[in-house]
Structure formats: C-alpha cells, structure tokens
Amino acid sequence: MDSQSFLAARLDRSAAPLAVGDVLALIAVLTVGTLNHLPAEFLIGNPLYLAEVYAPFLIGWVAVAPLVGAYSAGAVETAKSSIPLVIRSWIPAAAVGFLLRAFVFTGGAAPAFVVVMLVTGGVALGVWRALYFKIRG
C-alpha cells in the first residue's frame, strides 16, 4: 500500500468538526493548566508564552492523530468508535509533545506533568467527542 492511500484511509472530510474540537479541547486543557501556575497578568504581558505551551502538543497531535486514525471514517460513525480512537491517538501524540517540550521548547516534562497531561488531555478529548455525538444526535 502506498503512503498516499495509507493516509487517505485515515482522513475523512466529515471528521473536520472533530479535528477543530480536538484542537480546541487541547488548547483549553493547556490554558487552564497554565493559568493554574501563572497569573493571567503574566500571560497578557507575554502573549507568545501560550503559543510555546501549545506548540509541542499541537505539533504532536497534528503529526500523530491522523496516522492513528483519529479522523478516519470510523471516527465519525459513533462515539463508541470515536472515543477509543481519540484516546489511542492522544497517548503517542502526547509522547511527541513531551519530547518536544523537553528538548526543543521550554517547560520540561516532569513526571507529574506527564501524568496530569496524559489524563486531562485524554479526558478532555473523550468528553468533547462524547458531547459532539450527543449533540449531533
């Protein structure tokens, strides 16, 4: 199987709303986490700080999630198929994010942060997808 058909099998146009929601869910988790450690005034005074917080995980997400199947035809069928796909995508995507954060971006990847981010990111993505299918009907 060539690489184009491999990726084509993992990207379904009808998954676009899921992709937007996934990115927004990850941004929300990262923003809330950052606000737990830094005052809003600091973030207002340093507008690029949040971009550096988001970047490693969004890069990891964009690189890994399509390959795992987070946006495949199966992901848009039901919550029962979509939620496990997003969780299976989050774990390796987060691992890429931790590596980028530890070696490329500032912030590091302390063990407690890794655990919290894996859990909260997975929960946020799963809850978002559950809500999506509940609203979609």
N, C-alpha and C. Protein backbone atom coordinates (compact mmCIF):
# COMPACT_ATOMS: atom_id res chain seq x y z
N MET A 1 0.85 -1.17 0.00
CA MET A 1 0.00 0.00 0.00
C MET A 1 0.90 1.24 0.00
N ASP A 2 0.65 2.18 -0.88
CA ASP A 2 1.48 3.38 -0.92
C ASP A 2 1.06 4.35 0.18
N SER A 3 1.93 5.31 0.47
CA SER A 3 1.69 6.21 1.59
C SER A 3 0.47 7.10 1.37
N GLN A 4 0.18 7.46 0.14
CA GLN A 4 -0.97 8.31 -0.11
C GLN A 4 -2.27 7.57 0.21
N SER A 5 -2.38 6.31 -0.18
CA SER A 5 -3.61 5.58 0.14
C SER A 5 -3.68 5.25 1.63
N PHE A 6 -2.52 5.09 2.28
CA PHE A 6 -2.49 4.87 3.73
C PHE A 6 -3.10 6.07 4.45
N LEU A 7 -2.66 7.26 4.09
CA LEU A 7 -3.17 8.46 4.73
C LEU A 7 -4.61 8.75 4.30
N ALA A 8 -4.92 8.48 3.04
CA ALA A 8 -6.29 8.70 2.56
C ALA A 8 -7.29 7.85 3.33
N ALA A 9 -6.88 6.68 3.74
CA ALA A 9 -7.77 5.80 4.51
C ALA A 9 -7.97 6.31 5.93
N ARG A 10 -7.13 7.20 6.38
CA ARG A 10 -7.20 7.71 7.74
C ARG A 10 -7.76 9.13 7.84
N LEU A 11 -8.06 9.72 6.71
CA LEU A 11 -8.62 11.08 6.72
C LEU A 11 -9.96 11.09 6.00
N ASP A 12 -10.99 11.46 6.73
CA ASP A 12 -12.33 11.56 6.19
C ASP A 12 -12.77 13.01 6.33
N ARG A 13 -13.23 13.62 5.25
CA ARG A 13 -13.63 15.03 5.27
C ARG A 13 -14.69 15.32 6.33
N SER A 14 -15.54 14.37 6.59
CA SER A 14 -16.61 14.61 7.57
C SER A 14 -16.08 14.66 9.01
N ALA A 15 -14.80 14.39 9.19
CA ALA A 15 -14.20 14.46 10.53
C ALA A 15 -13.68 15.86 10.85
N ALA A 16 -13.85 16.81 9.94
CA ALA A 16 -13.34 18.17 10.18
C ALA A 16 -13.86 18.79 11.48
N PRO A 17 -15.14 18.65 11.81
CA PRO A 17 -15.59 19.21 13.10
C PRO A 17 -14.90 18.56 14.29
N LEU A 18 -14.61 17.27 14.18
CA LEU A 18 -13.89 16.60 15.26
C LEU A 18 -12.49 17.19 15.41
N ALA A 19 -11.83 17.45 14.30
CA ALA A 19 -10.47 17.99 14.33
C ALA A 19 -10.45 19.36 15.01
N VAL A 20 -11.39 20.20 14.64
CA VAL A 20 -11.47 21.54 15.25
C VAL A 20 -11.71 21.41 16.75
N GLY A 21 -12.66 20.58 17.13
CA GLY A 21 -12.96 20.39 18.55
C GLY A 21 -11.81 19.78 19.32
N ASP A 22 -11.09 18.85 18.71
CA ASP A 22 -9.94 18.24 19.38
C ASP A 22 -8.88 19.29 19.69
N VAL A 23 -8.58 20.12 18.71
CA VAL A 23 -7.57 21.16 18.91
C VAL A 23 -8.03 22.15 19.99
N LEU A 24 -9.30 22.53 19.96
CA LEU A 24 -9.82 23.45 20.97
C LEU A 24 -9.81 22.81 22.36
N ALA A 25 -10.11 21.52 22.45
CA ALA A 25 -10.06 20.82 23.74
C ALA A 25 -8.64 20.80 24.29
N LEU A 26 -7.66 20.54 23.44
CA LEU A 26 -6.27 20.53 23.90
C LEU A 26 -5.82 21.93 24.31
N ILE A 27 -6.21 22.94 23.55
CA ILE A 27 -5.87 24.32 23.91
C ILE A 27 -6.50 24.68 25.25
N ALA A 28 -7.73 24.27 25.48
CA ALA A 28 -8.41 24.56 26.75
C ALA A 28 -7.66 23.91 27.92
N VAL A 29 -7.28 22.64 27.78
CA VAL A 29 -6.56 21.95 28.85
C VAL A 29 -5.23 22.65 29.14
N LEU A 30 -4.50 22.99 28.08
CA LEU A 30 -3.20 23.64 28.26
C LEU A 30 -3.35 25.04 28.85
N THR A 31 -4.40 25.76 28.46
CA THR A 31 -4.63 27.10 29.01
C THR A 31 -4.98 27.03 30.48
N VAL A 32 -5.89 26.14 30.84
CA VAL A 32 -6.29 26.01 32.25
C VAL A 32 -5.08 25.59 33.10
N GLY A 33 -4.31 24.65 32.59
CA GLY A 33 -3.12 24.22 33.31
C GLY A 33 -2.13 25.35 33.51
N THR A 34 -1.93 26.13 32.48
CA THR A 34 -1.00 27.27 32.57
C THR A 34 -1.52 28.29 33.57
N LEU A 35 -2.82 28.56 33.55
CA LEU A 35 -3.39 29.53 34.48
C LEU A 35 -3.33 29.04 35.93
N ASN A 36 -3.20 27.73 36.13
CA ASN A 36 -3.03 27.20 37.49
C ASN A 36 -1.63 27.50 38.04
N HIS A 37 -0.71 27.83 37.15
CA HIS A 37 0.67 28.06 37.57
C HIS A 37 1.13 29.50 37.39
N LEU A 38 0.48 30.24 36.52
CA LEU A 38 0.89 31.61 36.23
C LEU A 38 -0.33 32.52 36.27
N PRO A 39 -0.14 33.76 36.72
CA PRO A 39 -1.27 34.69 36.72
C PRO A 39 -1.61 35.15 35.31
N ALA A 40 -2.86 35.48 35.11
CA ALA A 40 -3.33 35.97 33.81
C ALA A 40 -2.56 37.21 33.38
N GLU A 41 -2.16 38.03 34.34
CA GLU A 41 -1.41 39.24 34.01
C GLU A 41 -0.11 38.90 33.31
N PHE A 42 0.55 37.82 33.75
CA PHE A 42 1.80 37.40 33.11
C PHE A 42 1.53 37.02 31.65
N LEU A 43 0.46 36.27 31.43
CA LEU A 43 0.13 35.82 30.08
C LEU A 43 -0.25 36.99 29.18
N ILE A 44 -0.94 37.97 29.74
CA ILE A 44 -1.29 39.16 28.96
C ILE A 44 -0.03 39.93 28.58
N GLY A 45 0.91 40.01 29.50
CA GLY A 45 2.16 40.71 29.24
C GLY A 45 3.13 39.95 28.36
N ASN A 46 2.92 38.64 28.21
CA ASN A 46 3.78 37.78 27.40
C ASN A 46 2.92 36.97 26.44
N PRO A 47 2.37 37.60 25.42
CA PRO A 47 1.38 36.94 24.56
C PRO A 47 1.90 35.71 23.82
N LEU A 48 3.18 35.59 23.62
CA LEU A 48 3.71 34.42 22.91
C LEU A 48 3.96 33.23 23.84
N TYR A 49 3.85 33.44 25.13
CA TYR A 49 4.11 32.36 26.08
C TYR A 49 3.17 31.17 25.84
N LEU A 50 1.88 31.46 25.70
CA LEU A 50 0.92 30.38 25.48
C LEU A 50 1.17 29.64 24.17
N ALA A 51 1.63 30.36 23.16
CA ALA A 51 1.94 29.69 21.89
C ALA A 51 3.02 28.64 22.10
N GLU A 52 3.99 28.95 22.95
CA GLU A 52 5.06 27.98 23.22
C GLU A 52 4.56 26.83 24.09
N VAL A 53 3.54 27.06 24.88
CA VAL A 53 2.92 25.98 25.66
C VAL A 53 2.14 25.06 24.73
N TYR A 54 1.39 25.65 23.80
CA TYR A 54 0.56 24.87 22.88
C TYR A 54 1.38 24.09 21.85
N ALA A 55 2.41 24.72 21.34
CA ALA A 55 3.13 24.20 20.17
C ALA A 55 3.55 22.73 20.25
N PRO A 56 4.23 22.28 21.31
CA PRO A 56 4.69 20.89 21.28
C PRO A 56 3.55 19.87 21.19
N PHE A 57 2.46 20.16 21.87
CA PHE A 57 1.35 19.20 21.88
C PHE A 57 0.52 19.28 20.61
N LEU A 58 0.36 20.47 20.07
CA LEU A 58 -0.36 20.58 18.80
C LEU A 58 0.46 19.99 17.65
N ILE A 59 1.76 20.17 17.69
CA ILE A 59 2.61 19.53 16.68
C ILE A 59 2.50 18.01 16.81
N GLY A 60 2.59 17.51 18.02
CA GLY A 60 2.44 16.07 18.25
C GLY A 60 1.09 15.57 17.77
N TRP A 61 0.04 16.33 18.05
CA TRP A 61 -1.32 15.94 17.66
C TRP A 61 -1.46 15.89 16.15
N VAL A 62 -1.02 16.94 15.48
CA VAL A 62 -1.15 17.01 14.02
C VAL A 62 -0.31 15.92 13.34
N ALA A 63 0.83 15.60 13.93
CA ALA A 63 1.71 14.59 13.33
C ALA A 63 1.20 13.17 13.54
N VAL A 64 0.59 12.90 14.69
CA VAL A 64 0.28 11.52 15.06
C VAL A 64 -1.20 11.15 14.88
N ALA A 65 -2.10 12.03 15.26
CA ALA A 65 -3.53 11.67 15.27
C ALA A 65 -4.05 11.15 13.94
N PRO A 66 -3.72 11.78 12.81
CA PRO A 66 -4.21 11.23 11.54
C PRO A 66 -3.66 9.84 11.24
N LEU A 67 -2.42 9.60 11.62
CA LEU A 67 -1.81 8.29 11.36
C LEU A 67 -2.48 7.18 12.17
N VAL A 68 -2.89 7.51 13.38
CA VAL A 68 -3.54 6.50 14.24
C VAL A 68 -4.99 6.28 13.82
N GLY A 69 -5.60 7.29 13.21
CA GLY A 69 -6.97 7.13 12.74
C GLY A 69 -7.99 8.01 13.44
N ALA A 70 -7.53 9.05 14.13
CA ALA A 70 -8.45 9.94 14.85
C ALA A 70 -9.45 10.62 13.93
N TYR A 71 -9.13 10.69 12.62
CA TYR A 71 -10.01 11.35 11.66
C TYR A 71 -10.40 10.43 10.51
N SER A 72 -10.43 9.15 10.80
CA SER A 72 -10.83 8.16 9.80
C SER A 72 -12.36 8.08 9.74
N ALA A 73 -12.85 7.33 8.78
CA ALA A 73 -14.30 7.16 8.65
C ALA A 73 -14.90 6.58 9.93
N GLY A 74 -14.20 5.69 10.57
CA GLY A 74 -14.69 5.10 11.82
C GLY A 74 -14.83 6.11 12.94
N ALA A 75 -14.03 7.14 12.90
CA ALA A 75 -14.07 8.16 13.95
C ALA A 75 -15.33 9.00 13.89
N VAL A 76 -15.97 9.06 12.74
CA VAL A 76 -17.15 9.92 12.61
C VAL A 76 -18.45 9.13 12.69
N GLU A 77 -18.37 7.82 12.90
CA GLU A 77 -19.58 7.00 12.92
C GLU A 77 -20.34 7.11 14.23
N THR A 78 -19.69 6.76 15.33
CA THR A 78 -20.35 6.76 16.63
C THR A 78 -19.34 7.14 17.71
N ALA A 79 -19.85 7.55 18.86
CA ALA A 79 -18.97 7.84 19.99
C ALA A 79 -18.23 6.58 20.41
N LYS A 80 -18.89 5.44 20.28
CA LYS A 80 -18.27 4.17 20.68
C LYS A 80 -17.02 3.85 19.87
N SER A 81 -16.97 4.29 18.63
CA SER A 81 -15.77 4.08 17.82
C SER A 81 -14.83 5.28 17.90
N SER A 82 -15.37 6.47 18.07
CA SER A 82 -14.58 7.69 18.03
C SER A 82 -13.75 7.92 19.29
N ILE A 83 -14.33 7.68 20.43
CA ILE A 83 -13.61 7.97 21.69
C ILE A 83 -12.38 7.08 21.85
N PRO A 84 -12.47 5.76 21.64
CA PRO A 84 -11.23 4.97 21.72
C PRO A 84 -10.17 5.41 20.71
N LEU A 85 -10.59 5.82 19.53
CA LEU A 85 -9.62 6.30 18.54
C LEU A 85 -8.91 7.57 19.00
N VAL A 86 -9.65 8.48 19.61
CA VAL A 86 -9.02 9.72 20.06
C VAL A 86 -8.08 9.45 21.24
N ILE A 87 -8.43 8.53 22.12
CA ILE A 87 -7.55 8.19 23.24
C ILE A 87 -6.30 7.49 22.73
N ARG A 88 -6.47 6.55 21.81
CA ARG A 88 -5.30 5.87 21.23
C ARG A 88 -4.42 6.84 20.46
N SER A 89 -4.98 7.89 19.94
CA SER A 89 -4.20 8.90 19.24
C SER A 89 -3.50 9.84 20.23
N TRP A 90 -4.16 10.13 21.33
CA TRP A 90 -3.62 11.08 22.30
C TRP A 90 -2.33 10.56 22.94
N ILE A 91 -2.26 9.32 23.27
CA ILE A 91 -1.10 8.80 24.01
C ILE A 91 0.20 9.00 23.22
N PRO A 92 0.30 8.54 21.98
CA PRO A 92 1.56 8.80 21.25
C PRO A 92 1.74 10.27 20.87
N ALA A 93 0.65 10.98 20.62
CA ALA A 93 0.76 12.41 20.30
C ALA A 93 1.31 13.18 21.50
N ALA A 94 0.82 12.84 22.67
CA ALA A 94 1.33 13.47 23.90
C ALA A 94 2.79 13.13 24.11
N ALA A 95 3.18 11.88 23.81
CA ALA A 95 4.59 11.49 23.95
C ALA A 95 5.47 12.36 23.06
N VAL A 96 5.03 12.62 21.85
CA VAL A 96 5.77 13.53 20.95
C VAL A 96 5.82 14.92 21.58
N GLY A 97 4.70 15.37 22.12
CA GLY A 97 4.65 16.68 22.77
C GLY A 97 5.61 16.77 23.95
N PHE A 98 5.68 15.70 24.76
CA PHE A 98 6.60 15.71 25.90
C PHE A 98 8.05 15.78 25.44
N LEU A 99 8.37 15.03 24.40
CA LEU A 99 9.74 15.06 23.87
C LEU A 99 10.08 16.45 23.33
N LEU A 100 9.16 17.03 22.58
CA LEU A 100 9.40 18.37 22.06
C LEU A 100 9.54 19.39 23.19
N ARG A 101 8.70 19.25 24.18
CA ARG A 101 8.75 20.18 25.32
C ARG A 101 10.04 20.01 26.12
N ALA A 102 10.53 18.81 26.22
CA ALA A 102 11.74 18.55 26.99
C ALA A 102 13.00 18.99 26.25
N PHE A 103 13.00 18.86 24.92
CA PHE A 103 14.24 19.08 24.17
C PHE A 103 14.23 20.26 23.21
N VAL A 104 13.06 20.77 22.84
CA VAL A 104 13.00 21.85 21.85
C VAL A 104 12.39 23.11 22.47
N PHE A 105 11.26 22.97 23.11
CA PHE A 105 10.57 24.11 23.70
C PHE A 105 10.90 24.21 25.18
N THR A 106 10.56 25.32 25.80
CA THR A 106 10.80 25.45 27.24
C THR A 106 9.66 24.78 28.00
N GLY A 107 9.94 24.44 29.24
CA GLY A 107 8.90 23.89 30.10
C GLY A 107 9.25 22.54 30.70
N GLY A 108 10.00 21.73 30.00
CA GLY A 108 10.36 20.42 30.52
C GLY A 108 9.19 19.45 30.53
N ALA A 109 9.47 18.27 31.03
CA ALA A 109 8.45 17.21 31.08
C ALA A 109 8.61 16.41 32.37
N ALA A 110 8.38 17.06 33.48
CA ALA A 110 8.46 16.39 34.78
C ALA A 110 7.44 15.26 34.85
N PRO A 111 7.75 14.18 35.57
CA PRO A 111 6.82 13.03 35.64
C PRO A 111 5.40 13.40 36.06
N ALA A 112 5.26 14.28 37.03
CA ALA A 112 3.91 14.67 37.46
C ALA A 112 3.16 15.37 36.32
N PHE A 113 3.86 16.22 35.57
CA PHE A 113 3.24 16.89 34.44
C PHE A 113 2.81 15.88 33.37
N VAL A 114 3.65 14.90 33.12
CA VAL A 114 3.33 13.87 32.12
C VAL A 114 2.04 13.15 32.51
N VAL A 115 1.94 12.74 33.76
CA VAL A 115 0.74 12.02 34.21
C VAL A 115 -0.50 12.90 34.11
N VAL A 116 -0.39 14.12 34.61
CA VAL A 116 -1.54 15.04 34.59
C VAL A 116 -1.96 15.33 33.16
N MET A 117 -1.00 15.58 32.30
CA MET A 117 -1.32 15.91 30.90
C MET A 117 -1.92 14.72 30.16
N LEU A 118 -1.39 13.53 30.39
CA LEU A 118 -1.97 12.34 29.75
C LEU A 118 -3.42 12.16 30.16
N VAL A 119 -3.68 12.29 31.45
CA VAL A 119 -5.04 12.07 31.96
C VAL A 119 -5.98 13.20 31.54
N THR A 120 -5.60 14.45 31.81
CA THR A 120 -6.52 15.54 31.49
C THR A 120 -6.72 15.71 29.99
N GLY A 121 -5.67 15.52 29.22
CA GLY A 121 -5.82 15.59 27.77
C GLY A 121 -6.74 14.50 27.25
N GLY A 122 -6.55 13.28 27.74
CA GLY A 122 -7.40 12.17 27.32
C GLY A 122 -8.86 12.37 27.73
N VAL A 123 -9.06 12.84 28.95
CA VAL A 123 -10.43 13.10 29.41
C VAL A 123 -11.07 14.21 28.59
N ALA A 124 -10.35 15.29 28.36
CA ALA A 124 -10.91 16.41 27.59
C ALA A 124 -11.28 15.97 26.18
N LEU A 125 -10.41 15.23 25.53
CA LEU A 125 -10.71 14.75 24.18
C LEU A 125 -11.89 13.80 24.17
N GLY A 126 -11.93 12.89 25.14
CA GLY A 126 -13.04 11.93 25.22
C GLY A 126 -14.37 12.61 25.51
N VAL A 127 -14.36 13.56 26.44
CA VAL A 127 -15.59 14.28 26.78
C VAL A 127 -16.06 15.11 25.59
N TRP A 128 -15.14 15.79 24.93
CA TRP A 128 -15.51 16.57 23.74
C TRP A 128 -16.18 15.69 22.71
N ARG A 129 -15.59 14.55 22.44
CA ARG A 129 -16.17 13.68 21.41
C ARG A 129 -17.52 13.12 21.86
N ALA A 130 -17.66 12.78 23.12
CA ALA A 130 -18.95 12.31 23.61
C ALA A 130 -20.02 13.39 23.44
N LEU A 131 -19.68 14.62 23.79
CA LEU A 131 -20.62 15.73 23.61
C LEU A 131 -20.96 15.95 22.14
N TYR A 132 -19.97 15.84 21.29
CA TYR A 132 -20.19 16.01 19.86
C TYR A 132 -21.25 15.03 19.36
N PHE A 133 -21.11 13.77 19.71
CA PHE A 133 -22.06 12.77 19.23
C PHE A 133 -23.42 12.90 19.91
N LYS A 134 -23.43 13.36 21.14
CA LYS A 134 -24.71 13.58 21.82
C LYS A 134 -25.48 14.74 21.15
N ILE A 135 -24.77 15.81 20.84
CA ILE A 135 -25.40 16.97 20.19
C ILE A 135 -25.79 16.64 18.75
N ARG A 136 -24.90 15.93 18.07
CA ARG A 136 -25.17 15.58 16.67
C ARG A 136 -26.37 14.66 16.55
N GLY A 137 -26.58 13.88 17.58
CA GLY A 137 -27.75 13.00 17.59
C GLY A 137 -27.58 11.81 16.87
